[in-house]
Amino acid sequence: MTAAEEGAATKSQRTHARVREMVLSGELAPGSVINQAVLARRLGVSTTPLREALRLLKQEGLVELDAHRDARVTPLDAAEARDLLELRQSLDPLAAGLAAQRRTAEDLARMRAALGSLTSLRPDASPAQLDGHRAFHAAVYRASHNALLVEALDGLWDKTDRYRRHALAAGRSDEEVEQRAAEHRALLDAVSDRDAEAAEALMRTHVETSLGARSADRLAAEQHGQAARGGGRR
C-alpha cells in the first residue's frame, strides 16, 4: 500500500468511526435523512471517505442506502430491540457468573474504579455518562476472561445504545435510579465474593429491567398501537 492509499484508508476509518458514533449517540437521529454533502463539510472530509463509511454502516445495519445512494439512519425497530434483549438476557448473566469465578484483583480494581465514576442517567445524559456505565459493564465482561464472550457483548452494547437513549427520553423516577445504583453495588459484591449464582441472578434482573428492555416494551406498544389504528381504518 502506498502512502497515499494508506492515508485514504486512515481517513475512511476515522470517518466511519465518527459517523458511527453520531448514529449510536443519537446525534444523527433514527430515521433521519443524511445529507452527504452537508455531513462531509461538517466532518471536514470529501464525500469519498463518507460514502465508504456509509457503506460500512449499512453492513452493520445502522444506515440504509437506496439505489440512488440516498442515505438515512436506520429507524429503531421493535424486533431488533427484542432480539438484543433476548441475547443479553443469556450472555450478560453468563459473563457475570464467569467473572465471579475467574476475576483477579486487577479485575476488581477496574470494576471498583468504574463504579466510583458512575453518575445517574437522566434524559439529557451526556456521552461521557453513558460511557461510564459501559465502562462498568465492560469491566465485568472482561473479568469473565472469555474473549469471544467479551467481543459479542461489546457488539451488543453498541447496538443497544440507540435504544437506551430512546428509553431515557421517557424519563426515570428517583426510585428507579437508586435501584439501578444498588444493583451495580450488589453485582460488584457478588463478583468480589466469588458468588457466581448471585452474580448471574443479579445481572439477569439488571438486564430484564434495563433501558434496553424499556425501549423494547415501548416500541412493541407503539407498533401494536399503529397496527390497531391501521386496522380500524379498514
C-alpha atoms as a PDB file:
ATOM      1  CA  MET A   1       0.000   0.000   0.000  1.00  0.00           C
ATOM      2  CA  THR A   2       1.363   3.405  -0.980  1.00  0.00           C
ATOM      3  CA  ALA A   3       1.491   6.314   1.448  1.00  0.00           C
ATOM      4  CA  ALA A   4      -1.418   7.948  -0.385  1.00  0.00           C
ATOM      5  CA  GLU A   5      -3.504   4.768  -0.194  1.00  0.00           C
ATOM      6  CA  GLU A   6      -2.693   4.358   3.490  1.00  0.00           C
ATOM      7  CA  GLY A   7      -3.718   7.956   4.178  1.00  0.00           C
ATOM      8  CA  ALA A   8      -7.010   7.458   2.340  1.00  0.00           C
ATOM      9  CA  ALA A   9      -7.714   4.278   4.290  1.00  0.00           C
ATOM     10  CA  THR A  10      -6.997   6.023   7.586  1.00  0.00           C
ATOM     11  CA  LYS A  11      -9.309   8.906   6.668  1.00  0.00           C
ATOM     12  CA  SER A  12     -12.072   6.446   5.780  1.00  0.00           C
ATOM     13  CA  GLN A  13     -11.606   4.653   9.107  1.00  0.00           C
ATOM     14  CA  ARG A  14     -11.755   7.921  11.054  1.00  0.00           C
ATOM     15  CA  THR A  15     -14.845   9.000   9.136  1.00  0.00           C
ATOM     16  CA  HIS A  16     -16.522   5.666   9.738  1.00  0.00           C
ATOM     17  CA  ALA A  17     -15.758   5.837  13.456  1.00  0.00           C
ATOM     18  CA  ARG A  18     -17.100   9.394  13.764  1.00  0.00           C
ATOM     19  CA  VAL A  19     -20.320   8.804  11.821  1.00  0.00           C
ATOM     20  CA  ARG A  20     -20.891   5.553  13.694  1.00  0.00           C
ATOM     21  CA  GLU A  21     -20.558   7.436  16.978  1.00  0.00           C
ATOM     22  CA  MET A  22     -23.045  10.050  15.728  1.00  0.00           C
ATOM     23  CA  VAL A  23     -25.566   7.337  14.881  1.00  0.00           C
ATOM     24  CA  LEU A  24     -25.160   5.385  18.109  1.00  0.00           C
ATOM     25  CA  SER A  25     -25.308   8.502  20.276  1.00  0.00           C
ATOM     26  CA  GLY A  26     -28.449   9.774  18.556  1.00  0.00           C
ATOM     27  CA  GLU A  27     -26.691  12.856  17.187  1.00  0.00           C
ATOM     28  CA  LEU A  28     -27.929  11.526  13.856  1.00  0.00           C
ATOM     29  CA  ALA A  29     -31.457  10.615  14.863  1.00  0.00           C
ATOM     30  CA  PRO A  30     -33.091   7.289  13.978  1.00  0.00           C
ATOM     31  CA  GLY A  31     -34.913   7.564  10.664  1.00  0.00           C
ATOM     32  CA  SER A  32     -33.287  10.887   9.743  1.00  0.00           C
ATOM     33  CA  VAL A  33     -32.088  11.573   6.199  1.00  0.00           C
ATOM     34  CA  ILE A  34     -28.333  12.074   5.849  1.00  0.00           C
ATOM     35  CA  ASN A  35     -27.365  14.926   3.538  1.00  0.00           C
ATOM     36  CA  GLN A  36     -23.979  13.638   2.442  1.00  0.00           C
ATOM     37  CA  ALA A  37     -22.635  16.944   1.155  1.00  0.00           C
ATOM     38  CA  VAL A  38     -23.567  18.754   4.369  1.00  0.00           C
ATOM     39  CA  LEU A  39     -22.211  15.986   6.604  1.00  0.00           C
ATOM     40  CA  ALA A  40     -18.947  15.774   4.654  1.00  0.00           C
ATOM     41  CA  ARG A  41     -18.382  19.521   5.141  1.00  0.00           C
ATOM     42  CA  ARG A  42     -19.216  19.194   8.820  1.00  0.00           C
ATOM     43  CA  LEU A  43     -16.636  16.429   9.220  1.00  0.00           C
ATOM     44  CA  GLY A  44     -14.054  18.206   7.086  1.00  0.00           C
ATOM     45  CA  VAL A  45     -13.744  15.399   4.543  1.00  0.00           C
ATOM     46  CA  SER A  46     -14.651  14.810   0.924  1.00  0.00           C
ATOM     47  CA  THR A  47     -17.659  12.695   0.012  1.00  0.00           C
ATOM     48  CA  THR A  48     -15.422   9.738  -0.948  1.00  0.00           C
ATOM     49  CA  PRO A  49     -14.478   8.612   2.605  1.00  0.00           C
ATOM     50  CA  LEU A  50     -18.006   9.464   3.747  1.00  0.00           C
ATOM     51  CA  ARG A  51     -19.551   7.180   1.113  1.00  0.00           C
ATOM     52  CA  GLU A  52     -17.197   4.390   2.207  1.00  0.00           C
ATOM     53  CA  ALA A  53     -18.176   4.997   5.844  1.00  0.00           C
ATOM     54  CA  LEU A  54     -21.878   4.815   4.958  1.00  0.00           C
ATOM     55  CA  ARG A  55     -21.312   1.592   3.023  1.00  0.00           C
ATOM     56  CA  LEU A  56     -19.735   0.015   6.108  1.00  0.00           C
ATOM     57  CA  LEU A  57     -22.505   1.333   8.338  1.00  0.00           C
ATOM     58  CA  LYS A  58     -25.054  -0.228   6.007  1.00  0.00           C
ATOM     59  CA  GLN A  59     -23.320  -3.581   6.526  1.00  0.00           C
ATOM     60  CA  GLU A  60     -23.650  -3.018  10.287  1.00  0.00           C
ATOM     61  CA  GLY A  61     -27.370  -2.302   9.917  1.00  0.00           C
ATOM     62  CA  LEU A  62     -27.061   1.284  11.148  1.00  0.00           C
ATOM     63  CA  VAL A  63     -27.656   3.091   7.842  1.00  0.00           C
ATOM     64  CA  GLU A  64     -29.908   2.464   4.856  1.00  0.00           C
ATOM     65  CA  LEU A  65     -28.790   3.294   1.301  1.00  0.00           C
ATOM     66  CA  ASP A  66     -31.108   3.190  -1.699  1.00  0.00           C
ATOM     67  CA  ALA A  67     -30.239   2.709  -5.365  1.00  0.00           C
ATOM     68  CA  HIS A  68     -29.612   6.448  -5.758  1.00  0.00           C
ATOM     69  CA  ARG A  69     -27.214   6.418  -2.780  1.00  0.00           C
ATOM     70  CA  ASP A  70     -29.579   8.472  -0.679  1.00  0.00           C
ATOM     71  CA  ALA A  71     -28.896   7.637   2.951  1.00  0.00           C
ATOM     72  CA  ARG A  72     -30.835   7.660   6.176  1.00  0.00           C
ATOM     73  CA  VAL A  73     -30.242   6.371   9.664  1.00  0.00           C
ATOM     74  CA  THR A  74     -31.941   3.030  10.220  1.00  0.00           C
ATOM     75  CA  PRO A  75     -35.098   3.579  12.300  1.00  0.00           C
ATOM     76  CA  LEU A  76     -35.458   1.968  15.708  1.00  0.00           C
ATOM     77  CA  ASP A  77     -37.125  -1.405  15.360  1.00  0.00           C
ATOM     78  CA  ALA A  78     -39.201  -3.300  17.913  1.00  0.00           C
ATOM     79  CA  ALA A  79     -37.990  -6.681  16.645  1.00  0.00           C
ATOM     80  CA  GLU A  80     -34.331  -5.683  16.862  1.00  0.00           C
ATOM     81  CA  ALA A  81     -34.828  -4.297  20.369  1.00  0.00           C
ATOM     82  CA  ARG A  82     -36.407  -7.602  21.400  1.00  0.00           C
ATOM     83  CA  ASP A  83     -33.619  -9.618  19.764  1.00  0.00           C
ATOM     84  CA  LEU A  84     -30.926  -7.589  21.520  1.00  0.00           C
ATOM     85  CA  LEU A  85     -32.669  -8.011  24.856  1.00  0.00           C
ATOM     86  CA  GLU A  86     -33.016 -11.775  24.425  1.00  0.00           C
ATOM     87  CA  LEU A  87     -29.320 -12.136  23.662  1.00  0.00           C
ATOM     88  CA  ARG A  88     -28.299 -10.011  26.612  1.00  0.00           C
ATOM     89  CA  GLN A  89     -30.612 -11.961  28.935  1.00  0.00           C
ATOM     90  CA  SER A  90     -28.468 -15.004  28.174  1.00  0.00           C
ATOM     91  CA  LEU A  91     -24.984 -13.584  27.714  1.00  0.00           C
ATOM     92  CA  ASP A  92     -24.756 -10.919  30.432  1.00  0.00           C
ATOM     93  CA  PRO A  93     -25.560 -13.347  33.285  1.00  0.00           C
ATOM     94  CA  LEU A  94     -23.087 -15.828  31.802  1.00  0.00           C
ATOM     95  CA  ALA A  95     -20.364 -13.165  31.846  1.00  0.00           C
ATOM     96  CA  ALA A  96     -21.219 -12.150  35.418  1.00  0.00           C
ATOM     97  CA  GLY A  97     -21.103 -15.750  36.639  1.00  0.00           C
ATOM     98  CA  LEU A  98     -17.775 -16.388  34.952  1.00  0.00           C
ATOM     99  CA  ALA A  99     -16.435 -13.111  36.351  1.00  0.00           C
ATOM    100  CA  ALA A 100     -17.289 -14.270  39.864  1.00  0.00           C
ATOM    101  CA  GLN A 101     -15.350 -17.465  39.254  1.00  0.00           C
ATOM    102  CA  ARG A 102     -12.357 -16.049  37.401  1.00  0.00           C
ATOM    103  CA  ARG A 103     -11.886 -12.443  38.485  1.00  0.00           C
ATOM    104  CA  THR A 104      -8.471 -11.242  39.576  1.00  0.00           C
ATOM    105  CA  ALA A 105      -7.503  -8.464  41.959  1.00  0.00           C
ATOM    106  CA  GLU A 106      -6.887  -6.262  38.922  1.00  0.00           C
ATOM    107  CA  ASP A 107     -10.363  -7.029  37.581  1.00  0.00           C
ATOM    108  CA  LEU A 108     -11.919  -5.991  40.903  1.00  0.00           C
ATOM    109  CA  ALA A 109      -9.887  -2.791  40.970  1.00  0.00           C
ATOM    110  CA  ARG A 110     -11.124  -1.972  37.466  1.00  0.00           C
ATOM    111  CA  MET A 111     -14.727  -2.636  38.458  1.00  0.00           C
ATOM    112  CA  ARG A 112     -14.452  -0.533  41.609  1.00  0.00           C
ATOM    113  CA  ALA A 113     -12.907   2.370  39.710  1.00  0.00           C
ATOM    114  CA  ALA A 114     -15.670   2.241  37.101  1.00  0.00           C
ATOM    115  CA  LEU A 115     -18.378   2.025  39.771  1.00  0.00           C
ATOM    116  CA  GLY A 116     -16.907   5.026  41.561  1.00  0.00           C
ATOM    117  CA  SER A 117     -17.219   7.182  38.454  1.00  0.00           C
ATOM    118  CA  LEU A 118     -20.830   6.260  37.633  1.00  0.00           C
ATOM    119  CA  THR A 119     -23.431   9.016  37.587  1.00  0.00           C
ATOM    120  CA  SER A 120     -27.195   8.583  37.355  1.00  0.00           C
ATOM    121  CA  LEU A 121     -28.535   8.572  33.816  1.00  0.00           C
ATOM    122  CA  ARG A 122     -31.156  11.231  33.127  1.00  0.00           C
ATOM    123  CA  PRO A 123     -32.938  12.061  29.844  1.00  0.00           C
ATOM    124  CA  ASP A 124     -30.178  14.503  28.896  1.00  0.00           C
ATOM    125  CA  ALA A 125     -27.349  12.078  29.725  1.00  0.00           C
ATOM    126  CA  SER A 126     -24.058  13.036  28.106  1.00  0.00           C
ATOM    127  CA  PRO A 127     -21.950  10.619  26.032  1.00  0.00           C
ATOM    128  CA  ALA A 128     -19.423  10.608  28.898  1.00  0.00           C
ATOM    129  CA  GLN A 129     -22.095   9.497  31.379  1.00  0.00           C
ATOM    130  CA  LEU A 130     -23.214   6.694  29.073  1.00  0.00           C
ATOM    131  CA  ASP A 131     -19.576   5.718  28.573  1.00  0.00           C
ATOM    132  CA  GLY A 132     -19.214   5.480  32.347  1.00  0.00           C
ATOM    133  CA  HIS A 133     -21.951   2.864  32.531  1.00  0.00           C
ATOM    134  CA  ARG A 134     -20.409   0.997  29.634  1.00  0.00           C
ATOM    135  CA  ALA A 135     -17.053   1.008  31.441  1.00  0.00           C
ATOM    136  CA  PHE A 136     -18.556  -0.718  34.477  1.00  0.00           C
ATOM    137  CA  HIS A 137     -20.260  -3.419  32.433  1.00  0.00           C
ATOM    138  CA  ALA A 138     -17.165  -3.827  30.271  1.00  0.00           C
ATOM    139  CA  ALA A 139     -15.101  -4.399  33.422  1.00  0.00           C
ATOM    140  CA  VAL A 140     -17.496  -7.190  34.432  1.00  0.00           C
ATOM    141  CA  TYR A 141     -17.341  -8.698  30.949  1.00  0.00           C
ATOM    142  CA  ARG A 142     -13.541  -8.669  30.879  1.00  0.00           C
ATOM    143  CA  ALA A 143     -13.377 -10.315  34.278  1.00  0.00           C
ATOM    144  CA  SER A 144     -15.015 -13.357  32.647  1.00  0.00           C
ATOM    145  CA  HIS A 145     -11.725 -13.943  30.782  1.00  0.00           C
ATOM    146  CA  ASN A 146     -13.676 -15.260  27.798  1.00  0.00           C
ATOM    147  CA  ALA A 147     -12.525 -13.272  24.769  1.00  0.00           C
ATOM    148  CA  LEU A 148     -15.323 -14.394  22.441  1.00  0.00           C
ATOM    149  CA  LEU A 149     -17.980 -13.571  25.027  1.00  0.00           C
ATOM    150  CA  VAL A 150     -16.473 -10.130  25.606  1.00  0.00           C
ATOM    151  CA  GLU A 151     -16.423  -9.452  21.857  1.00  0.00           C
ATOM    152  CA  ALA A 152     -20.064 -10.498  21.496  1.00  0.00           C
ATOM    153  CA  LEU A 153     -21.208  -8.359  24.433  1.00  0.00           C
ATOM    154  CA  ASP A 154     -19.253  -5.331  23.216  1.00  0.00           C
ATOM    155  CA  GLY A 155     -21.097  -5.578  19.903  1.00  0.00           C
ATOM    156  CA  LEU A 156     -24.466  -5.926  21.618  1.00  0.00           C
ATOM    157  CA  TRP A 157     -23.717  -2.896  23.797  1.00  0.00           C
ATOM    158  CA  ASP A 158     -23.005  -0.814  20.698  1.00  0.00           C
ATOM    159  CA  LYS A 159     -26.244  -1.818  19.011  1.00  0.00           C
ATOM    160  CA  THR A 160     -28.266  -1.210  22.184  1.00  0.00           C
ATOM    161  CA  ASP A 161     -27.001   2.360  22.709  1.00  0.00           C
ATOM    162  CA  ARG A 162     -29.669   3.890  20.458  1.00  0.00           C
ATOM    163  CA  TYR A 163     -32.377   2.040  22.354  1.00  0.00           C
ATOM    164  CA  ARG A 164     -31.022   3.231  25.710  1.00  0.00           C
ATOM    165  CA  ARG A 165     -31.417   6.829  24.566  1.00  0.00           C
ATOM    166  CA  HIS A 166     -34.914   6.061  23.342  1.00  0.00           C
ATOM    167  CA  ALA A 167     -35.867   4.787  26.808  1.00  0.00           C
ATOM    168  CA  LEU A 168     -34.122   7.644  28.623  1.00  0.00           C
ATOM    169  CA  ALA A 169     -36.212  10.178  26.692  1.00  0.00           C
ATOM    170  CA  ALA A 170     -39.254   8.988  28.658  1.00  0.00           C
ATOM    171  CA  GLY A 171     -37.553   9.864  31.955  1.00  0.00           C
ATOM    172  CA  ARG A 172     -36.760   7.824  35.065  1.00  0.00           C
ATOM    173  CA  SER A 173     -38.045   8.013  38.611  1.00  0.00           C
ATOM    174  CA  ASP A 174     -35.711   8.637  41.543  1.00  0.00           C
ATOM    175  CA  GLU A 175     -36.622   5.170  42.853  1.00  0.00           C
ATOM    176  CA  GLU A 176     -35.588   3.564  39.587  1.00  0.00           C
ATOM    177  CA  VAL A 177     -32.303   5.451  39.512  1.00  0.00           C
ATOM    178  CA  GLU A 178     -31.468   4.346  43.067  1.00  0.00           C
ATOM    179  CA  GLN A 179     -32.460   0.750  42.291  1.00  0.00           C
ATOM    180  CA  ARG A 180     -30.061   0.657  39.359  1.00  0.00           C
ATOM    181  CA  ALA A 181     -27.256   2.025  41.522  1.00  0.00           C
ATOM    182  CA  ALA A 182     -27.978  -0.589  44.208  1.00  0.00           C
ATOM    183  CA  GLU A 183     -27.854  -3.349  41.577  1.00  0.00           C
ATOM    184  CA  HIS A 184     -24.422  -2.190  40.433  1.00  0.00           C
ATOM    185  CA  ARG A 185     -23.114  -2.269  44.003  1.00  0.00           C
ATOM    186  CA  ALA A 186     -24.618  -5.696  44.678  1.00  0.00           C
ATOM    187  CA  LEU A 187     -23.166  -7.075  41.457  1.00  0.00           C
ATOM    188  CA  LEU A 188     -19.693  -5.909  42.425  1.00  0.00           C
ATOM    189  CA  ASP A 189     -20.093  -7.506  45.845  1.00  0.00           C
ATOM    190  CA  ALA A 190     -21.180 -10.822  44.317  1.00  0.00           C
ATOM    191  CA  VAL A 191     -18.225 -10.902  41.934  1.00  0.00           C
ATOM    192  CA  SER A 192     -15.877  -9.930  44.751  1.00  0.00           C
ATOM    193  CA  ASP A 193     -17.290 -12.750  46.951  1.00  0.00           C
ATOM    194  CA  ARG A 194     -16.939 -15.235  44.068  1.00  0.00           C
ATOM    195  CA  ASP A 195     -20.671 -15.936  44.330  1.00  0.00           C
ATOM    196  CA  ALA A 196     -21.390 -16.951  40.734  1.00  0.00           C
ATOM    197  CA  GLU A 197     -25.040 -17.845  41.361  1.00  0.00           C
ATOM    198  CA  ALA A 198     -25.796 -14.464  42.924  1.00  0.00           C
ATOM    199  CA  ALA A 199     -23.867 -12.608  40.206  1.00  0.00           C
ATOM    200  CA  GLU A 200     -25.834 -14.370  37.476  1.00  0.00           C
ATOM    201  CA  ALA A 201     -29.176 -13.669  39.160  1.00  0.00           C
ATOM    202  CA  LEU A 202     -28.351 -10.015  39.777  1.00  0.00           C
ATOM    203  CA  MET A 203     -27.234  -9.467  36.198  1.00  0.00           C
ATOM    204  CA  ARG A 204     -30.317 -11.208  34.817  1.00  0.00           C
ATOM    205  CA  THR A 205     -32.582  -8.885  36.802  1.00  0.00           C
ATOM    206  CA  HIS A 206     -30.440  -5.915  35.796  1.00  0.00           C
ATOM    207  CA  VAL A 207     -30.883  -6.709  32.091  1.00  0.00           C
ATOM    208  CA  GLU A 208     -34.592  -7.514  32.368  1.00  0.00           C
ATOM    209  CA  THR A 209     -35.250  -4.064  33.880  1.00  0.00           C
ATOM    210  CA  SER A 210     -32.682  -2.213  31.758  1.00  0.00           C
ATOM    211  CA  LEU A 211     -33.166   0.765  29.470  1.00  0.00           C
ATOM    212  CA  GLY A 212     -32.925  -1.633  26.540  1.00  0.00           C
ATOM    213  CA  ALA A 213     -35.833  -3.633  27.971  1.00  0.00           C
ATOM    214  CA  ARG A 214     -37.894  -0.481  28.494  1.00  0.00           C
ATOM    215  CA  SER A 215     -37.229   0.588  24.923  1.00  0.00           C
ATOM    216  CA  ALA A 216     -38.257  -2.842  23.611  1.00  0.00           C
ATOM    217  CA  ASP A 217     -41.532  -2.573  25.554  1.00  0.00           C
ATOM    218  CA  ARG A 218     -42.213   0.966  24.314  1.00  0.00           C
ATOM    219  CA  LEU A 219     -41.515   0.109  20.687  1.00  0.00           C
ATOM    220  CA  ALA A 220     -43.659  -3.031  20.854  1.00  0.00           C
ATOM    221  CA  ALA A 221     -46.531  -0.982  22.334  1.00  0.00           C
ATOM    222  CA  GLU A 222     -46.129   1.681  19.657  1.00  0.00           C
ATOM    223  CA  GLN A 223     -46.099  -0.970  16.940  1.00  0.00           C
ATOM    224  CA  HIS A 224     -49.207  -2.584  18.385  1.00  0.00           C
ATOM    225  CA  GLY A 225     -50.946   0.795  18.562  1.00  0.00           C
ATOM    226  CA  GLN A 226     -50.095   1.596  14.954  1.00  0.00           C
ATOM    227  CA  ALA A 227     -51.382  -1.799  13.829  1.00  0.00           C
ATOM    228  CA  ALA A 228     -54.622  -1.285  15.768  1.00  0.00           C
ATOM    229  CA  ARG A 229     -55.156   2.162  14.268  1.00  0.00           C
ATOM    230  CA  GLY A 230     -54.443   0.815  10.798  1.00  0.00           C
ATOM    231  CA  GLY A 231     -56.947  -1.991  11.299  1.00  0.00           C
ATOM    232  CA  GLY A 232     -59.554   0.464  12.494  1.00  0.00           C
ATOM    233  CA  ARG A 233     -59.289   2.483   9.290  1.00  0.00           C
ATOM    234  CA  ARG A 234     -60.062  -0.514   7.082  1.00  0.00           C
END
